[in-house]
Amino acid sequence: MTTLLLQAQQGGQMSFIIMILLMFVVMWFFMIRPQQKRQKEIRNFQNALKAGDKVVIGGGIYGTVRAIDLVTNKVEVEIARGTVISVDRNYVFADATQQQPAQ
């Protein structure tokens, strides 16, 4: 009788462990994996920047890349005619031509 009770308890513990593992797999598949994919796309975009690209930088500012300094990892972005700002390359997030809706 006691062996039956011990086996039932172990079976319950095993199903609990399986449920926890299943929850982790589902969370990874729906939350962590898409975020890692998006970060990889942004990193590839940042590495492929070149002068003349229209970009969106942190804070939602649109501009055009004028120069890239790979040594200091800075990008000069023209945000208005004659107004050039220098930002870290990690703050260039998106291609502005893909961000604007079709009219």
PDB file of N, CA and C in Angstrom:
ATOM      1  N   MET A   1       0.812  -1.198   0.000  1.00  0.00           N
ATOM      2  CA  MET A   1       0.000   0.000   0.000  1.00  0.00           C
ATOM      3  C   MET A   1       0.860   1.269   0.000  1.00  0.00           C
ATOM      4  N   THR A   2       1.877   1.280   0.871  1.00  0.00           N
ATOM      5  CA  THR A   2       2.737   2.460   0.927  1.00  0.00           C
ATOM      6  C   THR A   2       3.539   2.633  -0.353  1.00  0.00           C
ATOM      7  N   THR A   3       3.910   1.545  -0.996  1.00  0.00           N
ATOM      8  CA  THR A   3       4.643   1.665  -2.260  1.00  0.00           C
ATOM      9  C   THR A   3       3.754   2.275  -3.331  1.00  0.00           C
ATOM     10  N   LEU A   4       2.470   1.988  -3.300  1.00  0.00           N
ATOM     11  CA  LEU A   4       1.539   2.588  -4.250  1.00  0.00           C
ATOM     12  C   LEU A   4       1.448   4.095  -4.039  1.00  0.00           C
ATOM     13  N   LEU A   5       1.395   4.522  -2.795  1.00  0.00           N
ATOM     14  CA  LEU A   5       1.333   5.944  -2.488  1.00  0.00           C
ATOM     15  C   LEU A   5       2.619   6.650  -2.913  1.00  0.00           C
ATOM     16  N   LEU A   6       3.770   6.043  -2.676  1.00  0.00           N
ATOM     17  CA  LEU A   6       5.041   6.638  -3.089  1.00  0.00           C
ATOM     18  C   LEU A   6       5.135   6.754  -4.603  1.00  0.00           C
ATOM     19  N   GLN A   7       4.667   5.760  -5.313  1.00  0.00           N
ATOM     20  CA  GLN A   7       4.692   5.812  -6.768  1.00  0.00           C
ATOM     21  C   GLN A   7       3.759   6.905  -7.283  1.00  0.00           C
ATOM     22  N   ALA A   8       2.619   7.104  -6.651  1.00  0.00           N
ATOM     23  CA  ALA A   8       1.675   8.146  -7.060  1.00  0.00           C
ATOM     24  C   ALA A   8       2.280   9.531  -6.828  1.00  0.00           C
ATOM     25  N   GLN A   9       2.993   9.696  -5.702  1.00  0.00           N
ATOM     26  CA  GLN A   9       3.637  10.976  -5.432  1.00  0.00           C
ATOM     27  C   GLN A   9       4.737  11.257  -6.444  1.00  0.00           C
ATOM     28  N   GLN A  10       5.525  10.285  -6.774  1.00  0.00           N
ATOM     29  CA  GLN A  10       6.593  10.482  -7.747  1.00  0.00           C
ATOM     30  C   GLN A  10       6.020  10.798  -9.114  1.00  0.00           C
ATOM     31  N   GLY A  11       4.928  10.177  -9.486  1.00  0.00           N
ATOM     32  CA  GLY A  11       4.273  10.467 -10.757  1.00  0.00           C
ATOM     33  C   GLY A  11       3.763  11.899 -10.791  1.00  0.00           C
ATOM     34  N   GLY A  12       3.245  12.379  -9.685  1.00  0.00           N
ATOM     35  CA  GLY A  12       2.768  13.762  -9.589  1.00  0.00           C
ATOM     36  C   GLY A  12       3.908  14.751  -9.710  1.00  0.00           C
ATOM     37  N   GLN A  13       5.034  14.439  -9.095  1.00  0.00           N
ATOM     38  CA  GLN A  13       6.203  15.314  -9.189  1.00  0.00           C
ATOM     39  C   GLN A  13       6.735  15.353 -10.617  1.00  0.00           C
ATOM     40  N   MET A  14       6.712  14.204 -11.276  1.00  0.00           N
ATOM     41  CA  MET A  14       7.214  14.137 -12.640  1.00  0.00           C
ATOM     42  C   MET A  14       6.328  14.962 -13.587  1.00  0.00           C
ATOM     43  N   SER A  15       5.016  14.889 -13.392  1.00  0.00           N
ATOM     44  CA  SER A  15       4.126  15.666 -14.259  1.00  0.00           C
ATOM     45  C   SER A  15       4.293  17.164 -13.993  1.00  0.00           C
ATOM     46  N   PHE A  16       4.572  17.546 -12.744  1.00  0.00           N
ATOM     47  CA  PHE A  16       4.817  18.948 -12.415  1.00  0.00           C
ATOM     48  C   PHE A  16       6.075  19.441 -13.117  1.00  0.00           C
ATOM     49  N   ILE A  17       7.133  18.657 -13.105  1.00  0.00           N
ATOM     50  CA  ILE A  17       8.388  19.030 -13.769  1.00  0.00           C
ATOM     51  C   ILE A  17       8.174  19.146 -15.272  1.00  0.00           C
ATOM     52  N   ILE A  18       7.413  18.226 -15.828  1.00  0.00           N
ATOM     53  CA  ILE A  18       7.129  18.279 -17.264  1.00  0.00           C
ATOM     54  C   ILE A  18       6.329  19.533 -17.606  1.00  0.00           C
ATOM     55  N   MET A  19       5.367  19.903 -16.773  1.00  0.00           N
ATOM     56  CA  MET A  19       4.577  21.128 -17.002  1.00  0.00           C
ATOM     57  C   MET A  19       5.458  22.375 -16.944  1.00  0.00           C
ATOM     58  N   ILE A  20       6.360  22.444 -15.993  1.00  0.00           N
ATOM     59  CA  ILE A  20       7.265  23.591 -15.885  1.00  0.00           C
ATOM     60  C   ILE A  20       8.148  23.680 -17.133  1.00  0.00           C
ATOM     61  N   LEU A  21       8.699  22.562 -17.559  1.00  0.00           N
ATOM     62  CA  LEU A  21       9.524  22.548 -18.769  1.00  0.00           C
ATOM     63  C   LEU A  21       8.718  22.950 -19.997  1.00  0.00           C
ATOM     64  N   LEU A  22       7.513  22.478 -20.097  1.00  0.00           N
ATOM     65  CA  LEU A  22       6.641  22.831 -21.216  1.00  0.00           C
ATOM     66  C   LEU A  22       6.341  24.327 -21.232  1.00  0.00           C
ATOM     67  N   MET A  23       6.094  24.912 -20.056  1.00  0.00           N
ATOM     68  CA  MET A  23       5.854  26.357 -19.973  1.00  0.00           C
ATOM     69  C   MET A  23       7.082  27.137 -20.418  1.00  0.00           C
ATOM     70  N   PHE A  24       8.272  26.694 -20.030  1.00  0.00           N
ATOM     71  CA  PHE A  24       9.495  27.374 -20.431  1.00  0.00           C
ATOM     72  C   PHE A  24       9.689  27.313 -21.945  1.00  0.00           C
ATOM     73  N   VAL A  25       9.427  26.156 -22.538  1.00  0.00           N
ATOM     74  CA  VAL A  25       9.568  25.999 -23.990  1.00  0.00           C
ATOM     75  C   VAL A  25       8.595  26.911 -24.725  1.00  0.00           C
ATOM     76  N   VAL A  26       7.364  26.973 -24.274  1.00  0.00           N
ATOM     77  CA  VAL A  26       6.363  27.834 -24.909  1.00  0.00           C
ATOM     78  C   VAL A  26       6.765  29.297 -24.765  1.00  0.00           C
ATOM     79  N   MET A  27       7.226  29.707 -23.586  1.00  0.00           N
ATOM     80  CA  MET A  27       7.655  31.090 -23.377  1.00  0.00           C
ATOM     81  C   MET A  27       8.841  31.418 -24.277  1.00  0.00           C
ATOM     82  N   TRP A  28       9.790  30.510 -24.404  1.00  0.00           N
ATOM     83  CA  TRP A  28      10.941  30.744 -25.272  1.00  0.00           C
ATOM     84  C   TRP A  28      10.490  30.888 -26.719  1.00  0.00           C
ATOM     85  N   PHE A  29       9.588  30.031 -27.150  1.00  0.00           N
ATOM     86  CA  PHE A  29       9.166  30.028 -28.550  1.00  0.00           C
ATOM     87  C   PHE A  29       8.391  31.288 -28.913  1.00  0.00           C
ATOM     88  N   PHE A  30       7.552  31.798 -28.011  1.00  0.00           N
ATOM     89  CA  PHE A  30       6.717  32.953 -28.327  1.00  0.00           C
ATOM     90  C   PHE A  30       7.272  34.292 -27.880  1.00  0.00           C
ATOM     91  N   MET A  31       8.232  34.319 -26.956  1.00  0.00           N
ATOM     92  CA  MET A  31       8.717  35.599 -26.451  1.00  0.00           C
ATOM     93  C   MET A  31      10.199  35.816 -26.718  1.00  0.00           C
ATOM     94  N   ILE A  32      11.030  34.900 -26.307  1.00  0.00           N
ATOM     95  CA  ILE A  32      12.478  35.108 -26.376  1.00  0.00           C
ATOM     96  C   ILE A  32      12.980  34.980 -27.805  1.00  0.00           C
ATOM     97  N   ARG A  33      12.560  33.961 -28.525  1.00  0.00           N
ATOM     98  CA  ARG A  33      13.042  33.722 -29.885  1.00  0.00           C
ATOM     99  C   ARG A  33      12.723  34.888 -30.829  1.00  0.00           C
ATOM    100  N   PRO A  34      11.487  35.430 -30.861  1.00  0.00           N
ATOM    101  CA  PRO A  34      11.224  36.564 -31.752  1.00  0.00           C
ATOM    102  C   PRO A  34      12.047  37.805 -31.406  1.00  0.00           C
ATOM    103  N   GLN A  35      12.281  38.034 -30.119  1.00  0.00           N
ATOM    104  CA  GLN A  35      13.085  39.186 -29.713  1.00  0.00           C
ATOM    105  C   GLN A  35      14.529  39.027 -30.177  1.00  0.00           C
ATOM    106  N   GLN A  36      15.082  37.831 -30.054  1.00  0.00           N
ATOM    107  CA  GLN A  36      16.450  37.595 -30.524  1.00  0.00           C
ATOM    108  C   GLN A  36      16.539  37.766 -32.031  1.00  0.00           C
ATOM    109  N   LYS A  37      15.521  37.337 -32.749  1.00  0.00           N
ATOM    110  CA  LYS A  37      15.498  37.481 -34.205  1.00  0.00           C
ATOM    111  C   LYS A  37      15.471  38.959 -34.591  1.00  0.00           C
ATOM    112  N   ARG A  38      14.663  39.748 -33.898  1.00  0.00           N
ATOM    113  CA  ARG A  38      14.571  41.194 -34.179  1.00  0.00           C
ATOM    114  C   ARG A  38      15.905  41.881 -33.883  1.00  0.00           C
ATOM    115  N   GLN A  39      16.547  41.532 -32.784  1.00  0.00           N
ATOM    116  CA  GLN A  39      17.843  42.127 -32.448  1.00  0.00           C
ATOM    117  C   GLN A  39      18.892  41.777 -33.491  1.00  0.00           C
ATOM    118  N   LYS A  40      18.846  40.578 -34.016  1.00  0.00           N
ATOM    119  CA  LYS A  40      19.787  40.173 -35.055  1.00  0.00           C
ATOM    120  C   LYS A  40      19.564  40.982 -36.334  1.00  0.00           C
ATOM    121  N   GLU A  41      18.299  41.229 -36.685  1.00  0.00           N
ATOM    122  CA  GLU A  41      17.993  42.048 -37.866  1.00  0.00           C
ATOM    123  C   GLU A  41      18.511  43.473 -37.694  1.00  0.00           C
ATOM    124  N   ILE A  42      18.326  44.044 -36.509  1.00  0.00           N
ATOM    125  CA  ILE A  42      18.810  45.410 -36.241  1.00  0.00           C
ATOM    126  C   ILE A  42      20.328  45.455 -36.325  1.00  0.00           C
ATOM    127  N   ARG A  43      21.007  44.471 -35.736  1.00  0.00           N
ATOM    128  CA  ARG A  43      22.473  44.423 -35.755  1.00  0.00           C
ATOM    129  C   ARG A  43      22.981  44.311 -37.197  1.00  0.00           C
ATOM    130  N   ASN A  44      22.338  43.473 -38.026  1.00  0.00           N
ATOM    131  CA  ASN A  44      22.736  43.351 -39.428  1.00  0.00           C
ATOM    132  C   ASN A  44      22.521  44.663 -40.177  1.00  0.00           C
ATOM    133  N   PHE A  45      21.418  45.362 -39.878  1.00  0.00           N
ATOM    134  CA  PHE A  45      21.158  46.667 -40.500  1.00  0.00           C
ATOM    135  C   PHE A  45      22.233  47.677 -40.103  1.00  0.00           C
ATOM    136  N   GLN A  46      22.585  47.713 -38.820  1.00  0.00           N
ATOM    137  CA  GLN A  46      23.601  48.653 -38.344  1.00  0.00           C
ATOM    138  C   GLN A  46      24.952  48.376 -38.981  1.00  0.00           C
ATOM    139  N   ASN A  47      25.290  47.119 -39.185  1.00  0.00           N
ATOM    140  CA  ASN A  47      26.572  46.771 -39.796  1.00  0.00           C
ATOM    141  C   ASN A  47      26.601  47.074 -41.289  1.00  0.00           C
ATOM    142  N   ALA A  48      25.443  47.169 -41.929  1.00  0.00           N
ATOM    143  CA  ALA A  48      25.380  47.419 -43.369  1.00  0.00           C
ATOM    144  C   ALA A  48      25.151  48.892 -43.708  1.00  0.00           C
ATOM    145  N   LEU A  49      25.190  49.781 -42.707  1.00  0.00           N
ATOM    146  CA  LEU A  49      24.967  51.204 -42.964  1.00  0.00           C
ATOM    147  C   LEU A  49      26.012  51.759 -43.917  1.00  0.00           C
ATOM    148  N   LYS A  50      25.562  52.706 -44.765  1.00  0.00           N
ATOM    149  CA  LYS A  50      26.488  53.404 -45.654  1.00  0.00           C
ATOM    150  C   LYS A  50      25.985  54.830 -45.836  1.00  0.00           C
ATOM    151  N   ALA A  51      26.850  55.695 -46.294  1.00  0.00           N
ATOM    152  CA  ALA A  51      26.489  57.097 -46.495  1.00  0.00           C
ATOM    153  C   ALA A  51      25.337  57.188 -47.480  1.00  0.00           C
ATOM    154  N   GLY A  52      24.383  58.052 -47.173  1.00  0.00           N
ATOM    155  CA  GLY A  52      23.231  58.255 -48.029  1.00  0.00           C
ATOM    156  C   GLY A  52      21.994  57.484 -47.593  1.00  0.00           C
ATOM    157  N   ASP A  53      22.130  56.545 -46.675  1.00  0.00           N
ATOM    158  CA  ASP A  53      20.976  55.779 -46.193  1.00  0.00           C
ATOM    159  C   ASP A  53      20.067  56.676 -45.372  1.00  0.00           C
ATOM    160  N   LYS A  54      18.776  56.537 -45.553  1.00  0.00           N
ATOM    161  CA  LYS A  54      17.797  57.256 -44.737  1.00  0.00           C
ATOM    162  C   LYS A  54      17.460  56.344 -43.559  1.00  0.00           C
ATOM    163  N   VAL A  55      17.601  56.895 -42.347  1.00  0.00           N
ATOM    164  CA  VAL A  55      17.483  56.079 -41.150  1.00  0.00           C
ATOM    165  C   VAL A  55      16.597  56.739 -40.103  1.00  0.00           C
ATOM    166  N   VAL A  56      16.202  55.927 -39.120  1.00  0.00           N
ATOM    167  CA  VAL A  56      15.508  56.402 -37.922  1.00  0.00           C
ATOM    168  C   VAL A  56      16.437  56.112 -36.757  1.00  0.00           C
ATOM    169  N   ILE A  57      16.762  57.150 -35.981  1.00  0.00           N
ATOM    170  CA  ILE A  57      17.635  56.956 -34.832  1.00  0.00           C
ATOM    171  C   ILE A  57      16.804  56.982 -33.555  1.00  0.00           C
ATOM    172  N   GLY A  58      17.435  56.651 -32.441  1.00  0.00           N
ATOM    173  CA  GLY A  58      16.747  56.631 -31.156  1.00  0.00           C
ATOM    174  C   GLY A  58      16.002  57.924 -30.903  1.00  0.00           C
ATOM    175  N   GLY A  59      14.810  57.816 -30.381  1.00  0.00           N
ATOM    176  CA  GLY A  59      13.976  58.988 -30.142  1.00  0.00           C
ATOM    177  C   GLY A  59      13.062  59.286 -31.305  1.00  0.00           C
ATOM    178  N   GLY A  60      13.136  58.482 -32.369  1.00  0.00           N
ATOM    179  CA  GLY A  60      12.248  58.655 -33.514  1.00  0.00           C
ATOM    180  C   GLY A  60      12.659  59.762 -34.462  1.00  0.00           C
ATOM    181  N   ILE A  61      13.926  60.145 -34.474  1.00  0.00           N
ATOM    182  CA  ILE A  61      14.406  61.202 -35.351  1.00  0.00           C
ATOM    183  C   ILE A  61      14.799  60.594 -36.695  1.00  0.00           C
ATOM    184  N   TYR A  62      14.266  61.170 -37.771  1.00  0.00           N
ATOM    185  CA  TYR A  62      14.576  60.723 -39.122  1.00  0.00           C
ATOM    186  C   TYR A  62      15.729  61.547 -39.662  1.00  0.00           C
ATOM    187  N   GLY A  63      16.599  60.901 -40.431  1.00  0.00           N
ATOM    188  CA  GLY A  63      17.726  61.619 -41.009  1.00  0.00           C
ATOM    189  C   GLY A  63      18.405  60.799 -42.080  1.00  0.00           C
ATOM    190  N   THR A  64      19.481  61.370 -42.616  1.00  0.00           N
ATOM    191  CA  THR A  64      20.263  60.728 -43.665  1.00  0.00           C
ATOM    192  C   THR A  64      21.696  60.578 -43.186  1.00  0.00           C
ATOM    193  N   VAL A  65      22.251  59.388 -43.347  1.00  0.00           N
ATOM    194  CA  VAL A  65      23.626  59.126 -42.923  1.00  0.00           C
ATOM    195  C   VAL A  65      24.574  59.906 -43.825  1.00  0.00           C
ATOM    196  N   ARG A  66      25.477  60.675 -43.221  1.00  0.00           N
ATOM    197  CA  ARG A  66      26.479  61.438 -43.982  1.00  0.00           C
ATOM    198  C   ARG A  66      27.851  60.781 -43.906  1.00  0.00           C
ATOM    199  N   ALA A  67      28.202  60.238 -42.756  1.00  0.00           N
ATOM    200  CA  ALA A  67      29.522  59.612 -42.600  1.00  0.00           C
ATOM    201  C   ALA A  67      29.449  58.588 -41.467  1.00  0.00           C
ATOM    202  N   ILE A  68      30.309  57.575 -41.573  1.00  0.00           N
ATOM    203  CA  ILE A  68      30.393  56.538 -40.548  1.00  0.00           C
ATOM    204  C   ILE A  68      31.850  56.404 -40.130  1.00  0.00           C
ATOM    205  N   ASP A  69      32.103  56.498 -38.824  1.00  0.00           N
ATOM    206  CA  ASP A  69      33.441  56.326 -38.282  1.00  0.00           C
ATOM    207  C   ASP A  69      33.486  54.980 -37.553  1.00  0.00           C
ATOM    208  N   LEU A  70      34.111  54.003 -38.173  1.00  0.00           N
ATOM    209  CA  LEU A  70      34.144  52.656 -37.600  1.00  0.00           C
ATOM    210  C   LEU A  70      35.047  52.563 -36.374  1.00  0.00           C
ATOM    211  N   VAL A  71      36.013  53.458 -36.271  1.00  0.00           N
ATOM    212  CA  VAL A  71      36.937  53.426 -35.133  1.00  0.00           C
ATOM    213  C   VAL A  71      36.212  53.817 -33.841  1.00  0.00           C
ATOM    214  N   THR A  72      35.465  54.907 -33.898  1.00  0.00           N
ATOM    215  CA  THR A  72      34.747  55.379 -32.708  1.00  0.00           C
ATOM    216  C   THR A  72      33.309  54.874 -32.659  1.00  0.00           C
ATOM    217  N   ASN A  73      32.871  54.162 -33.707  1.00  0.00           N
ATOM    218  CA  ASN A  73      31.523  53.603 -33.789  1.00  0.00           C
ATOM    219  C   ASN A  73      30.465  54.694 -33.781  1.00  0.00           C
ATOM    220  N   LYS A  74      30.753  55.828 -34.439  1.00  0.00           N
ATOM    221  CA  LYS A  74      29.810  56.937 -34.506  1.00  0.00           C
ATOM    222  C   LYS A  74      29.332  57.132 -35.937  1.00  0.00           C
ATOM    223  N   VAL A  75      28.113  57.618 -36.041  1.00  0.00           N
ATOM    224  CA  VAL A  75      27.497  57.898 -37.332  1.00  0.00           C
ATOM    225  C   VAL A  75      27.074  59.357 -37.335  1.00  0.00           C
ATOM    226  N   GLU A  76      27.413  60.078 -38.409  1.00  0.00           N
ATOM    227  CA  GLU A  76      26.946  61.449 -38.557  1.00  0.00           C
ATOM    228  C   GLU A  76      25.674  61.418 -39.384  1.00  0.00           C
ATOM    229  N   VAL A  77      24.605  61.966 -38.808  1.00  0.00           N
ATOM    230  CA  VAL A  77      23.294  61.941 -39.437  1.00  0.00           C
ATOM    231  C   VAL A  77      22.817  63.372 -39.645  1.00  0.00           C
ATOM    232  N   GLU A  78      22.414  63.677 -40.885  1.00  0.00           N
ATOM    233  CA  GLU A  78      21.852  64.993 -41.190  1.00  0.00           C
ATOM    234  C   GLU A  78      20.355  64.915 -40.951  1.00  0.00           C
ATOM    235  N   ILE A  79      19.865  65.704 -39.975  1.00  0.00           N
ATOM    236  CA  ILE A  79      18.460  65.648 -39.614  1.00  0.00           C
ATOM    237  C   ILE A  79      17.671  66.802 -40.230  1.00  0.00           C
ATOM    238  N   ALA A  80      18.360  67.828 -40.663  1.00  0.00           N
ATOM    239  CA  ALA A  80      17.755  68.949 -41.376  1.00  0.00           C
ATOM    240  C   ALA A  80      18.856  69.535 -42.254  1.00  0.00           C
ATOM    241  N   ARG A  81      18.480  70.322 -43.222  1.00  0.00           N
ATOM    242  CA  ARG A  81      19.469  70.886 -44.130  1.00  0.00           C
ATOM    243  C   ARG A  81      20.521  71.671 -43.332  1.00  0.00           C
ATOM    244  N   GLY A  82      21.748  71.174 -43.372  1.00  0.00           N
ATOM    245  CA  GLY A  82      22.848  71.831 -42.677  1.00  0.00           C
ATOM    246  C   GLY A  82      22.985  71.458 -41.208  1.00  0.00           C
ATOM    247  N   THR A  83      22.109  70.633 -40.695  1.00  0.00           N
ATOM    248  CA  THR A  83      22.172  70.216 -39.295  1.00  0.00           C
ATOM    249  C   THR A  83      22.591  68.754 -39.227  1.00  0.00           C
ATOM    250  N   VAL A  84      23.823  68.537 -38.772  1.00  0.00           N
ATOM    251  CA  VAL A  84      24.365  67.183 -38.695  1.00  0.00           C
ATOM    252  C   VAL A  84      24.647  66.871 -37.236  1.00  0.00           C
ATOM    253  N   ILE A  85      24.165  65.721 -36.789  1.00  0.00           N
ATOM    254  CA  ILE A  85      24.436  65.280 -35.423  1.00  0.00           C
ATOM    255  C   ILE A  85      25.246  63.996 -35.485  1.00  0.00           C
ATOM    256  N   SER A  86      25.992  63.763 -34.436  1.00  0.00           N
ATOM    257  CA  SER A  86      26.800  62.557 -34.334  1.00  0.00           C
ATOM    258  C   SER A  86      26.180  61.655 -33.273  1.00  0.00           C
ATOM    259  N   VAL A  87      25.863  60.411 -33.657  1.00  0.00           N
ATOM    260  CA  VAL A  87      25.252  59.470 -32.725  1.00  0.00           C
ATOM    261  C   VAL A  87      26.024  58.162 -32.747  1.00  0.00           C
ATOM    262  N   ASP A  88      25.892  57.411 -31.699  1.00  0.00           N
ATOM    263  CA  ASP A  88      26.478  56.081 -31.650  1.00  0.00           C
ATOM    264  C   ASP A  88      25.748  55.184 -32.648  1.00  0.00           C
ATOM    265  N   ARG A  89      26.475  54.326 -33.329  1.00  0.00           N
ATOM    266  CA  ARG A  89      25.876  53.476 -34.361  1.00  0.00           C
ATOM    267  C   ARG A  89      24.803  52.555 -33.779  1.00  0.00           C
ATOM    268  N   ASN A  90      24.895  52.226 -32.502  1.00  0.00           N
ATOM    269  CA  ASN A  90      23.904  51.352 -31.876  1.00  0.00           C
ATOM    270  C   ASN A  90      22.543  52.022 -31.716  1.00  0.00           C
ATOM    271  N   TYR A  91      22.454  53.342 -31.914  1.00  0.00           N
ATOM    272  CA  TYR A  91      21.189  54.044 -31.796  1.00  0.00           C
ATOM    273  C   TYR A  91      20.514  54.278 -33.141  1.00  0.00           C
ATOM    274  N   VAL A  92      21.051  53.712 -34.194  1.00  0.00           N
ATOM    275  CA  VAL A  92      20.392  53.743 -35.497  1.00  0.00           C
ATOM    276  C   VAL A  92      19.596  52.451 -35.585  1.00  0.00           C
ATOM    277  N   PHE A  93      18.260  52.576 -35.587  1.00  0.00           N
ATOM    278  CA  PHE A  93      17.416  51.394 -35.428  1.00  0.00           C
ATOM    279  C   PHE A  93      16.758  50.889 -36.698  1.00  0.00           C
ATOM    280  N   ALA A  94      16.431  51.751 -37.633  1.00  0.00           N
ATOM    281  CA  ALA A  94      15.621  51.273 -38.753  1.00  0.00           C
ATOM    282  C   ALA A  94      15.882  52.057 -40.016  1.00  0.00           C
ATOM    283  N   ASP A  95      15.481  51.467 -41.121  1.00  0.00           N
ATOM    284  CA  ASP A  95      15.540  52.082 -42.426  1.00  0.00           C
ATOM    285  C   ASP A  95      14.310  52.969 -42.572  1.00  0.00           C
ATOM    286  N   ALA A  96      14.493  54.270 -42.784  1.00  0.00           N
ATOM    287  CA  ALA A  96      13.383  55.200 -42.842  1.00  0.00           C
ATOM    288  C   ALA A  96      12.504  54.966 -44.051  1.00  0.00           C
ATOM    289  N   THR A  97      13.043  54.437 -45.131  1.00  0.00           N
ATOM    290  CA  THR A  97      12.217  54.193 -46.311  1.00  0.00           C
ATOM    291  C   THR A  97      11.203  53.083 -46.070  1.00  0.00           C
ATOM    292  N   GLN A  98      11.494  52.172 -45.160  1.00  0.00           N
ATOM    293  CA  GLN A  98      10.558  51.091 -44.840  1.00  0.00           C
ATOM    294  C   GLN A  98       9.588  51.494 -43.733  1.00  0.00           C
ATOM    295  N   GLN A  99       9.889  52.541 -42.992  1.00  0.00           N
ATOM    296  CA  GLN A  99       9.051  52.967 -41.880  1.00  0.00           C
ATOM    297  C   GLN A  99       7.882  53.838 -42.303  1.00  0.00           C
ATOM    298  N   GLN A 100       8.000  54.546 -43.432  1.00  0.00           N
ATOM    299  CA  GLN A 100       6.957  55.467 -43.837  1.00  0.00           C
ATOM    300  C   GLN A 100       5.849  54.724 -44.568  1.00  0.00           C
ATOM    301  N   PRO A 101       4.595  54.962 -44.192  1.00  0.00           N
ATOM    302  CA  PRO A 101       3.482  54.278 -44.851  1.00  0.00           C
ATOM    303  C   PRO A 101       3.290  54.766 -46.283  1.00  0.00           C
ATOM    304  N   ALA A 102       2.803  53.893 -47.147  1.00  0.00           N
ATOM    305  CA  ALA A 102       2.546  54.260 -48.527  1.00  0.00           C
ATOM    306  C   ALA A 102       1.369  55.232 -48.593  1.00  0.00           C
ATOM    307  N   GLN A 103       1.472  56.228 -49.463  1.00  0.00           N
ATOM    308  CA  GLN A 103       0.403  57.233 -49.559  1.00  0.00           C
ATOM    309  C   GLN A 103      -0.265  57.188 -50.901  1.00  0.00           C
TER     310      GLN A 103
END
